[in-house]
Amino acid sequence: MKFDEVIRARSGTGGERKGDTLGDGARGDDLRMVLAIVKTLNRSLDPDEVLELVLKSGIRVAKAERGFLLLANSEGNLQCVMARDAAGKSLKQHELTLSQSVAEDAFRNGESICVEHAQSDDRFDQRQSIVSLGLETILCSPLAVRDERIGVIYVDSRHIQPVNKNEIVDLFEIFAGQAAIAIKNSQLYDKLHKAFEDLQVANEKLMKFERIASKGEAAAEISHELNNLVGIILLQIEMLNKFFRKYSPEECESKLRQILQSATRIRAFASGLVETSALKTRKQIGDLNETVSSIVRYVRPLSKYQRSVLFTTLDKRIPQFGFDPVQIQQVILNFLNNAVEAYSQATIEIQTAYLVDTGEAQVIVKDNGPGLVEEVRNKLFVERVTTKPEGHGYGLPICKKIIENHGGHISVRSIPTQETVFTITLRTA
């Protein structure tokens, strides 16, 4: 049912009148206001702009004093992403308080909550937040797209609102339903836009690498770096493709299929560069701890790592010394990818250490995944040995070559079903 049909049905007109079928009086005016708001929302796909419009409009529809938008994070927990007053101004830090219990109830149960005379409502006698905030009127509706709840919109006032409770809840639910669709569409558009940007970067690198390859200078670092980049792109786009197949128009599916095909061609090209290539190390004086921190900051937001836990333990005694930061990050990224591909909920510690006696620095990557049996562990650094169905076996041999070119060494120890630990050791002088 289309949106205008929904509000006509709720207005009781049934769409039988010609022209304006939303009815007369205050009810008709309210529905026309919501329809105008929805038309405005549908003109934008910018996530920040959509959130701003949704919250501002929600406060207006409910005739409230304040409003909050809480969206579910990757773990399904509500997080406040925006808070405004009736004038559209951001709430100050000391004003960022709301009845979290009401928001959680609406989100978990999937039903709107409207409270009048909150201070004397027996249902909330245990809710200290309502008492301490002096709230009298609260209205909170879940934001849901089909069967998926993405958050709640919450508005409140410190005085009794002179409105018909049933009508305002009905109107607010109509608005919340359309607001949820607008927010979800903007999120999908943002992900698609970022996927296109990633693909553009990959294509630019591909053209650069093809020029290098044409001169006979192709390097294994090119192939592996490109494979890692394209692997991330493929992961994001496959997720988007799955979602769009369920909810989105055919043209979006067609566009995503084209991206998948392009990224797959890039991966095929990159894999073919390794066999005749040679690694070149470009050392520069740098901070090993910052190099480690930087790659962790890069991978944390990626969907591939959303179910895993990454943390660092850094030894501040490590002096600055000469190494190739891009190649070292490439090695660490390989370890991280292997860990989450073996166990998506892995806990991964990236540790640095300084060996004072030998003047060496270490990077230690430890995960609690399935581990490696001895037969596989002994062959890990042999070219074309892989434990992954779609693996090409180049990753760890390249990592070994990179570290050896730095004058260092790499080792692995593992306990099957418990953990795997990779250790990189580099000379600092």
Protein backbone atom coordinates (compact mmCIF):
# COMPACT_ATOMS: atom_id res chain seq x y z
CA MET A 1 0.00 0.00 0.00
CA LYS A 2 1.35 3.40 -0.95
CA PHE A 3 1.88 6.10 1.67
CA ASP A 4 -1.01 8.30 0.52
CA GLU A 5 -3.28 5.23 0.60
CA VAL A 6 -2.15 4.49 4.17
CA ILE A 7 -2.99 7.91 5.51
CA ARG A 8 -6.29 8.01 3.61
CA ALA A 9 -7.24 4.68 5.11
CA ARG A 10 -6.37 5.92 8.60
CA SER A 11 -8.26 9.15 8.02
CA GLY A 12 -11.37 7.13 7.26
CA THR A 13 -11.98 8.61 3.80
CA GLY A 14 -11.18 5.40 1.92
CA GLY A 15 -10.00 7.47 -1.03
CA GLU A 16 -13.57 7.96 -2.30
CA ARG A 17 -13.51 11.76 -2.45
CA LYS A 18 -12.03 13.53 -5.43
CA GLY A 19 -9.24 16.04 -5.02
CA ASP A 20 -7.99 16.30 -1.45
CA THR A 21 -9.09 13.03 0.18
CA LEU A 22 -7.47 13.59 3.56
CA GLY A 23 -10.55 15.08 5.15
CA ASP A 24 -11.34 18.37 6.80
CA GLY A 25 -10.56 19.78 10.20
CA ALA A 26 -7.54 19.30 12.44
CA ARG A 27 -7.15 15.60 11.53
CA GLY A 28 -6.95 16.40 7.84
CA ASP A 29 -4.50 19.20 8.50
CA ASP A 30 -2.25 16.88 10.50
CA LEU A 31 -2.24 14.26 7.77
CA ARG A 32 -1.47 16.85 5.13
CA MET A 33 1.43 18.04 7.31
CA VAL A 34 2.83 14.50 7.55
CA LEU A 35 2.44 14.01 3.80
CA ALA A 36 4.36 17.24 3.16
CA ILE A 37 7.09 16.14 5.58
CA VAL A 38 7.44 12.74 3.89
CA LYS A 39 7.73 14.37 0.47
CA THR A 40 10.54 16.53 1.85
CA LEU A 41 12.29 13.50 3.36
CA ASN A 42 12.13 11.64 0.07
CA ARG A 43 14.06 14.41 -1.70
CA SER A 44 17.30 13.66 0.16
CA LEU A 45 19.59 10.65 0.50
CA ASP A 46 22.28 12.38 2.55
CA PRO A 47 22.34 10.52 5.92
CA ASP A 48 23.01 13.60 8.08
CA GLU A 49 20.40 15.69 6.31
CA VAL A 50 17.79 12.93 6.57
CA LEU A 51 18.41 12.47 10.31
CA GLU A 52 18.12 16.22 10.85
CA LEU A 53 14.84 16.37 8.92
CA VAL A 54 13.40 13.34 10.69
CA LEU A 55 14.10 14.66 14.18
CA LYS A 56 12.97 18.21 13.44
CA SER A 57 9.75 16.89 11.87
CA GLY A 58 9.11 14.42 14.70
CA ILE A 59 9.23 17.22 17.27
CA ARG A 60 6.85 19.23 15.10
CA VAL A 61 4.37 16.39 14.60
CA ALA A 62 4.24 15.60 18.33
CA LYS A 63 4.27 19.29 19.38
CA ALA A 64 7.12 18.36 21.75
CA GLU A 65 9.89 20.35 23.41
CA ARG A 66 12.79 17.98 22.74
CA GLY A 67 13.59 15.06 20.50
CA PHE A 68 16.14 12.24 20.28
CA LEU A 69 17.05 9.82 17.52
CA LEU A 70 18.45 6.52 18.75
CA LEU A 71 19.70 4.02 16.18
CA ALA A 72 20.74 0.41 16.72
CA ASN A 73 24.46 -0.33 16.37
CA SER A 74 25.93 -3.52 14.91
CA GLU A 75 25.28 -5.31 18.22
CA GLY A 76 21.62 -4.27 18.32
CA ASN A 77 22.06 -1.71 21.11
CA LEU A 78 20.53 1.76 20.91
CA GLN A 79 22.86 4.73 20.54
CA CYS A 80 21.78 8.37 20.52
CA VAL A 81 22.89 9.90 17.20
CA MET A 82 21.08 13.24 17.42
CA ALA A 83 19.28 15.39 19.99
CA ARG A 84 17.49 18.68 19.30
CA ASP A 85 15.09 21.12 20.96
CA ALA A 86 11.93 22.56 19.39
CA ALA A 87 13.96 25.38 17.82
CA GLY A 88 16.20 22.86 16.06
CA LYS A 89 19.22 23.60 18.24
CA SER A 90 21.52 20.83 19.50
CA LEU A 91 20.98 19.99 23.16
CA LYS A 92 23.79 20.90 25.52
CA GLN A 93 25.74 18.18 27.28
CA HIS A 94 23.79 18.48 30.55
CA GLU A 95 20.51 18.27 28.60
CA LEU A 96 21.37 14.94 26.92
CA THR A 97 19.20 12.92 29.25
CA LEU A 98 16.11 10.93 28.40
CA SER A 99 14.13 8.00 29.72
CA GLN A 100 16.34 5.21 28.39
CA SER A 101 13.92 2.64 29.78
CA VAL A 102 11.04 3.97 27.67
CA ALA A 103 13.24 3.98 24.54
CA GLU A 104 14.40 0.42 25.21
CA ASP A 105 10.83 -0.79 25.84
CA ALA A 106 9.58 0.69 22.56
CA PHE A 107 12.53 -0.76 20.63
CA ARG A 108 12.41 -4.26 22.13
CA ASN A 109 8.62 -4.62 22.00
CA GLY A 110 8.17 -2.90 18.65
CA GLU A 111 5.27 -0.80 19.95
CA SER A 112 4.83 2.93 20.53
CA ILE A 113 4.71 4.27 24.07
CA CYS A 114 2.77 7.42 24.89
CA VAL A 115 2.81 8.71 28.45
CA GLU A 116 0.68 11.55 29.79
CA HIS A 117 1.01 12.67 33.40
CA ALA A 118 4.24 10.67 33.60
CA GLN A 119 4.98 11.84 37.13
CA SER A 120 1.86 10.12 38.44
CA ASP A 121 1.70 7.15 36.03
CA ASP A 122 1.88 3.90 38.04
CA ARG A 123 3.63 2.10 35.17
CA PHE A 124 6.69 4.28 35.67
CA ASP A 125 6.95 4.54 39.41
CA GLN A 126 10.32 2.75 39.28
CA ARG A 127 11.70 4.84 36.44
CA GLN A 128 13.88 7.37 38.22
CA SER A 129 14.83 9.04 34.94
CA ILE A 130 11.27 10.26 34.42
CA VAL A 131 11.07 11.64 37.93
CA SER A 132 14.50 13.30 37.88
CA LEU A 133 13.89 14.89 34.46
CA GLY A 134 10.51 16.25 35.50
CA LEU A 135 8.88 14.81 32.37
CA GLU A 136 5.12 14.87 31.95
CA THR A 137 4.61 13.85 28.31
CA ILE A 138 6.67 11.21 26.50
CA LEU A 139 6.11 9.73 23.05
CA CYS A 140 8.41 7.08 21.61
CA SER A 141 7.92 5.00 18.45
CA PRO A 142 10.09 2.27 16.95
CA LEU A 143 11.70 2.90 13.58
CA ALA A 144 11.15 -0.26 11.56
CA VAL A 145 11.52 -1.27 7.92
CA ARG A 146 9.49 -4.40 7.36
CA ASP A 147 10.65 -6.76 10.11
CA GLU A 148 13.90 -4.92 10.88
CA ARG A 149 13.97 -2.43 13.74
CA ILE A 150 16.66 0.17 13.17
CA GLY A 151 16.02 2.42 16.18
CA VAL A 152 13.47 4.71 17.85
CA ILE A 153 12.39 8.33 17.69
CA TYR A 154 11.76 9.75 21.14
CA VAL A 155 10.17 13.13 22.03
CA ASP A 156 9.19 14.56 25.39
CA SER A 157 7.93 17.66 27.19
CA ARG A 158 7.97 18.93 30.72
CA HIS A 159 4.31 19.93 30.59
CA ILE A 160 1.04 18.23 29.65
CA GLN A 161 0.44 18.50 25.92
CA PRO A 162 -3.14 19.50 24.96
CA VAL A 163 -3.55 16.78 22.34
CA ASN A 164 -5.76 13.74 21.78
CA LYS A 165 -3.60 10.80 22.83
CA ASN A 166 -4.96 8.26 20.34
CA GLU A 167 -4.76 10.66 17.42
CA ILE A 168 -1.23 11.83 18.19
CA VAL A 169 0.04 8.25 18.58
CA ASP A 170 -1.60 7.24 15.31
CA LEU A 171 -0.13 10.26 13.52
CA PHE A 172 3.31 9.75 15.06
CA GLU A 173 3.36 6.08 14.03
CA ILE A 174 2.52 7.04 10.43
CA PHE A 175 5.39 9.50 10.49
CA ALA A 176 7.82 7.07 12.19
CA GLY A 177 7.13 4.39 9.59
CA GLN A 178 8.02 6.71 6.73
CA ALA A 179 10.96 8.18 8.65
CA ALA A 180 12.42 4.69 9.10
CA ILE A 181 12.27 4.06 5.35
CA ALA A 182 13.97 7.40 4.65
CA ILE A 183 16.75 6.67 7.16
CA LYS A 184 17.31 3.14 5.83
CA ASN A 185 17.43 4.37 2.24
CA SER A 186 19.99 7.03 3.14
CA GLN A 187 22.12 4.43 4.94
CA LEU A 188 22.02 2.10 1.93
CA TYR A 189 22.86 4.95 -0.42
CA ASP A 190 25.79 5.93 1.78
CA LYS A 191 27.13 2.37 1.75
CA LEU A 192 26.70 2.13 -2.01
CA HIS A 193 28.45 5.47 -2.47
CA LYS A 194 31.40 4.32 -0.35
CA ALA A 195 31.56 1.03 -2.27
CA PHE A 196 31.79 2.97 -5.54
CA GLU A 197 34.56 5.15 -4.07
CA ASP A 198 36.50 2.05 -2.99
CA LEU A 199 36.10 0.56 -6.44
CA GLN A 200 37.29 3.79 -8.05
CA VAL A 201 40.43 3.72 -5.88
CA ALA A 202 41.00 0.08 -6.86
CA ASN A 203 40.59 0.88 -10.55
CA GLU A 204 43.03 3.79 -10.30
CA LYS A 205 45.58 1.50 -8.65
CA LEU A 206 44.94 -1.12 -11.31
CA MET A 207 45.77 1.33 -14.11
CA LYS A 208 48.93 2.37 -12.28
CA PHE A 209 49.97 -1.24 -11.72
CA GLU A 210 49.26 -2.19 -15.32
CA ARG A 211 51.71 0.53 -16.43
CA ILE A 212 54.31 -0.86 -14.03
CA ALA A 213 53.65 -4.41 -15.21
CA SER A 214 54.06 -3.37 -18.86
CA LYS A 215 57.61 -2.30 -18.02
CA GLY A 216 58.39 -5.63 -16.40
CA GLU A 217 58.49 -4.11 -12.91
CA ALA A 218 55.42 -5.73 -11.34
CA ALA A 219 55.93 -6.58 -7.68
CA ALA A 220 54.32 -9.04 -5.31
CA GLU A 221 53.50 -6.18 -2.96
CA ILE A 222 51.27 -4.77 -5.72
CA SER A 223 49.34 -8.00 -6.05
CA HIS A 224 48.86 -8.58 -2.37
CA GLU A 225 47.93 -4.99 -1.56
CA LEU A 226 45.42 -4.98 -4.40
CA ASN A 227 43.98 -8.35 -3.37
CA ASN A 228 43.42 -7.10 0.17
CA LEU A 229 41.75 -3.93 -1.10
CA VAL A 230 39.50 -5.78 -3.52
CA GLY A 231 38.69 -8.40 -0.90
CA ILE A 232 37.29 -5.66 1.31
CA ILE A 233 35.32 -4.19 -1.61
CA LEU A 234 33.86 -7.59 -2.49
CA LEU A 235 32.83 -8.21 1.10
CA GLN A 236 31.00 -4.88 1.36
CA ILE A 237 29.33 -5.17 -2.02
CA GLU A 238 28.20 -8.77 -1.52
CA MET A 239 26.50 -7.64 1.68
CA LEU A 240 24.81 -4.78 -0.16
CA ASN A 241 23.81 -7.05 -3.01
CA LYS A 242 22.12 -9.46 -0.61
CA PHE A 243 20.21 -6.63 1.06
CA PHE A 244 19.14 -5.00 -2.18
CA ARG A 245 17.87 -8.30 -3.59
CA LYS A 246 15.41 -8.38 -0.75
CA TYR A 247 14.34 -4.77 -0.48
CA SER A 248 15.50 -2.66 -3.44
CA PRO A 249 14.71 -2.00 -7.11
CA GLU A 250 16.14 -4.02 -10.00
CA GLU A 251 18.37 -1.21 -11.20
CA CYS A 252 20.24 -1.28 -7.88
CA GLU A 253 20.83 -5.02 -8.29
CA SER A 254 22.13 -4.50 -11.82
CA LYS A 255 24.54 -1.79 -10.68
CA LEU A 256 25.86 -3.92 -7.85
CA ARG A 257 26.37 -6.91 -10.16
CA GLN A 258 28.51 -4.71 -12.40
CA ILE A 259 30.63 -3.68 -9.43
CA LEU A 260 31.06 -7.31 -8.37
CA GLN A 261 32.16 -8.31 -11.87
CA SER A 262 34.65 -5.44 -12.07
CA ALA A 263 36.12 -6.19 -8.66
CA THR A 264 36.42 -9.88 -9.53
CA ARG A 265 38.36 -8.99 -12.69
CA ILE A 266 40.72 -6.84 -10.62
CA ARG A 267 41.36 -9.74 -8.24
CA ALA A 268 42.08 -12.10 -11.15
CA PHE A 269 44.60 -9.63 -12.57
CA ALA A 270 46.28 -9.09 -9.21
CA SER A 271 46.70 -12.79 -8.54
CA GLY A 272 48.53 -13.19 -11.83
CA LEU A 273 51.17 -10.61 -10.99
CA VAL A 274 52.86 -12.52 -8.19
CA GLU A 275 54.68 -15.33 -9.91
CA THR A 276 57.25 -13.22 -11.83
CA SER A 277 57.55 -10.32 -9.43
CA ALA A 278 60.18 -9.15 -6.97
CA LEU A 279 59.67 -7.26 -3.72
CA LYS A 280 61.25 -3.87 -3.10
CA THR A 281 61.54 -2.46 0.40
CA ARG A 282 61.54 1.31 0.88
CA LYS A 283 62.70 1.96 4.41
CA GLN A 284 62.13 5.23 6.22
CA ILE A 285 62.55 6.27 9.84
CA GLY A 286 59.20 5.77 11.51
CA ASP A 287 57.16 4.91 14.61
CA LEU A 288 56.27 1.21 14.69
CA ASN A 289 53.53 1.74 17.29
CA GLU A 290 51.81 4.34 15.10
CA THR A 291 52.07 2.01 12.10
CA VAL A 292 50.30 -0.71 14.09
CA SER A 293 47.66 1.69 15.46
CA SER A 294 46.97 3.04 11.98
CA ILE A 295 46.13 -0.33 10.43
CA VAL A 296 43.88 -1.20 13.39
CA ARG A 297 42.00 2.10 12.98
CA TYR A 298 41.58 1.29 9.30
CA VAL A 299 40.08 -2.18 9.67
CA ARG A 300 37.87 -1.63 12.74
CA PRO A 301 34.93 0.00 10.87
CA LEU A 302 34.87 -2.64 8.12
CA SER A 303 31.92 -5.01 8.13
CA LYS A 304 34.29 -7.96 7.99
CA TYR A 305 35.50 -7.10 11.50
CA GLN A 306 32.19 -6.11 13.10
CA ARG A 307 31.83 -9.36 15.08
CA SER A 308 35.46 -9.50 16.15
CA VAL A 309 37.32 -7.73 18.96
CA LEU A 310 40.62 -5.97 18.17
CA PHE A 311 42.87 -4.36 20.75
CA THR A 312 46.48 -3.27 20.99
CA THR A 313 49.16 -3.49 23.67
CA LEU A 314 52.03 -1.20 22.69
CA ASP A 315 55.54 -0.99 24.12
CA LYS A 316 56.45 2.71 24.24
CA ARG A 317 60.16 1.92 24.65
CA ILE A 318 60.53 1.07 20.95
CA PRO A 319 62.75 3.72 19.33
CA GLN A 320 62.09 5.09 15.88
CA PHE A 321 63.96 3.10 13.23
CA GLY A 322 64.01 2.37 9.51
CA PHE A 323 61.30 0.17 8.01
CA ASP A 324 58.73 0.23 5.19
CA PRO A 325 55.44 1.17 6.94
CA VAL A 326 53.25 0.16 3.99
CA GLN A 327 54.78 -3.30 3.80
CA ILE A 328 54.64 -3.85 7.56
CA GLN A 329 50.95 -2.89 7.52
CA GLN A 330 50.46 -5.25 4.61
CA VAL A 331 51.87 -8.12 6.69
CA ILE A 332 49.73 -7.24 9.73
CA LEU A 333 46.61 -6.92 7.55
CA ASN A 334 47.27 -10.40 6.19
CA PHE A 335 47.37 -11.80 9.74
CA LEU A 336 44.15 -9.96 10.69
CA ASN A 337 42.30 -11.13 7.57
CA ASN A 338 43.37 -14.72 8.17
CA ALA A 339 42.14 -14.53 11.77
CA VAL A 340 38.63 -13.24 11.02
CA GLU A 341 38.24 -15.49 8.00
CA ALA A 342 39.00 -18.49 10.21
CA TYR A 343 36.75 -17.28 13.05
CA SER A 344 34.45 -14.28 12.52
CA GLN A 345 34.09 -13.63 16.27
CA ALA A 346 37.81 -13.75 16.96
CA THR A 347 39.45 -11.74 19.70
CA ILE A 348 42.71 -10.41 18.27
CA GLU A 349 45.52 -8.75 20.20
CA ILE A 350 48.18 -6.81 18.31
CA GLN A 351 51.15 -6.35 20.63
CA THR A 352 54.51 -4.62 20.20
CA ALA A 353 57.58 -5.36 22.30
CA TYR A 354 61.12 -4.07 22.57
CA LEU A 355 63.93 -6.54 23.25
CA VAL A 356 66.49 -4.37 25.02
CA ASP A 357 69.30 -6.94 25.00
CA THR A 358 69.21 -7.47 21.23
CA GLY A 359 67.89 -4.08 20.13
CA GLU A 360 65.01 -5.71 18.28
CA ALA A 361 61.35 -4.73 17.98
CA GLN A 362 58.53 -7.25 17.69
CA VAL A 363 54.97 -7.19 16.42
CA ILE A 364 52.91 -10.05 17.84
CA VAL A 365 49.44 -10.86 16.48
CA LYS A 366 47.49 -13.33 18.61
CA ASP A 367 43.99 -14.67 17.97
CA ASN A 368 41.73 -17.19 19.69
CA GLY A 369 40.63 -18.93 16.50
CA PRO A 370 40.67 -22.62 15.56
CA GLY A 371 44.46 -22.80 15.47
CA LEU A 372 46.63 -24.78 13.07
CA VAL A 373 47.56 -28.43 13.01
CA GLU A 374 51.30 -29.15 12.84
CA GLU A 375 51.23 -30.33 9.22
CA VAL A 376 49.70 -27.06 8.01
CA ARG A 377 51.82 -24.92 10.34
CA ASN A 378 55.05 -26.37 8.96
CA LYS A 379 54.04 -25.45 5.40
CA LEU A 380 52.53 -22.02 6.05
CA PHE A 381 55.34 -20.05 4.48
CA VAL A 382 55.58 -22.30 1.42
CA GLU A 383 54.12 -20.68 -1.70
CA ARG A 384 50.62 -21.80 -2.74
CA VAL A 385 49.80 -23.50 0.57
CA THR A 386 46.44 -22.28 1.91
CA THR A 387 43.80 -23.40 4.39
CA LYS A 388 41.04 -21.30 2.76
CA PRO A 389 38.74 -22.66 -0.02
CA GLU A 390 39.30 -19.58 -2.20
CA GLY A 391 42.84 -18.80 -1.03
CA HIS A 392 45.72 -18.54 -3.48
CA GLY A 393 48.51 -19.32 -1.01
CA TYR A 394 50.60 -16.25 -1.74
CA GLY A 395 49.88 -14.25 1.41
CA LEU A 396 52.22 -15.71 4.01
CA PRO A 397 55.15 -16.41 1.65
CA ILE A 398 55.01 -12.74 0.63
CA CYS A 399 54.87 -11.73 4.30
CA LYS A 400 57.95 -13.86 4.98
CA LYS A 401 59.79 -12.29 2.04
CA ILE A 402 58.88 -8.76 3.21
CA ILE A 403 60.22 -9.37 6.70
CA GLU A 404 63.39 -11.05 5.38
CA ASN A 405 63.99 -8.04 3.13
CA HIS A 406 63.89 -5.94 6.31
CA GLY A 407 66.62 -8.14 7.77
CA GLY A 408 64.14 -9.65 10.23
CA HIS A 409 62.35 -12.93 10.68
CA ILE A 410 58.80 -14.19 11.15
CA SER A 411 57.54 -17.15 13.19
CA VAL A 412 54.29 -18.81 14.15
CA ARG A 413 53.12 -20.97 17.02
CA SER A 414 49.67 -22.42 17.38
CA ILE A 415 47.56 -24.63 19.61
CA PRO A 416 44.76 -26.33 17.65
CA THR A 417 41.25 -25.21 18.76
CA GLN A 418 42.79 -22.52 21.01
CA GLU A 419 45.05 -19.90 19.44
CA THR A 420 47.51 -18.83 16.78
CA VAL A 421 50.36 -16.37 17.36
CA PHE A 422 52.44 -14.74 14.61
CA THR A 423 55.61 -12.88 15.64
CA ILE A 424 57.55 -10.42 13.48
CA THR A 425 61.05 -9.50 14.70
CA LEU A 426 62.87 -6.50 13.24
CA ARG A 427 66.27 -4.94 13.93
CA THR A 428 66.06 -1.34 15.12
CA ALA A 429 69.74 -0.55 14.49
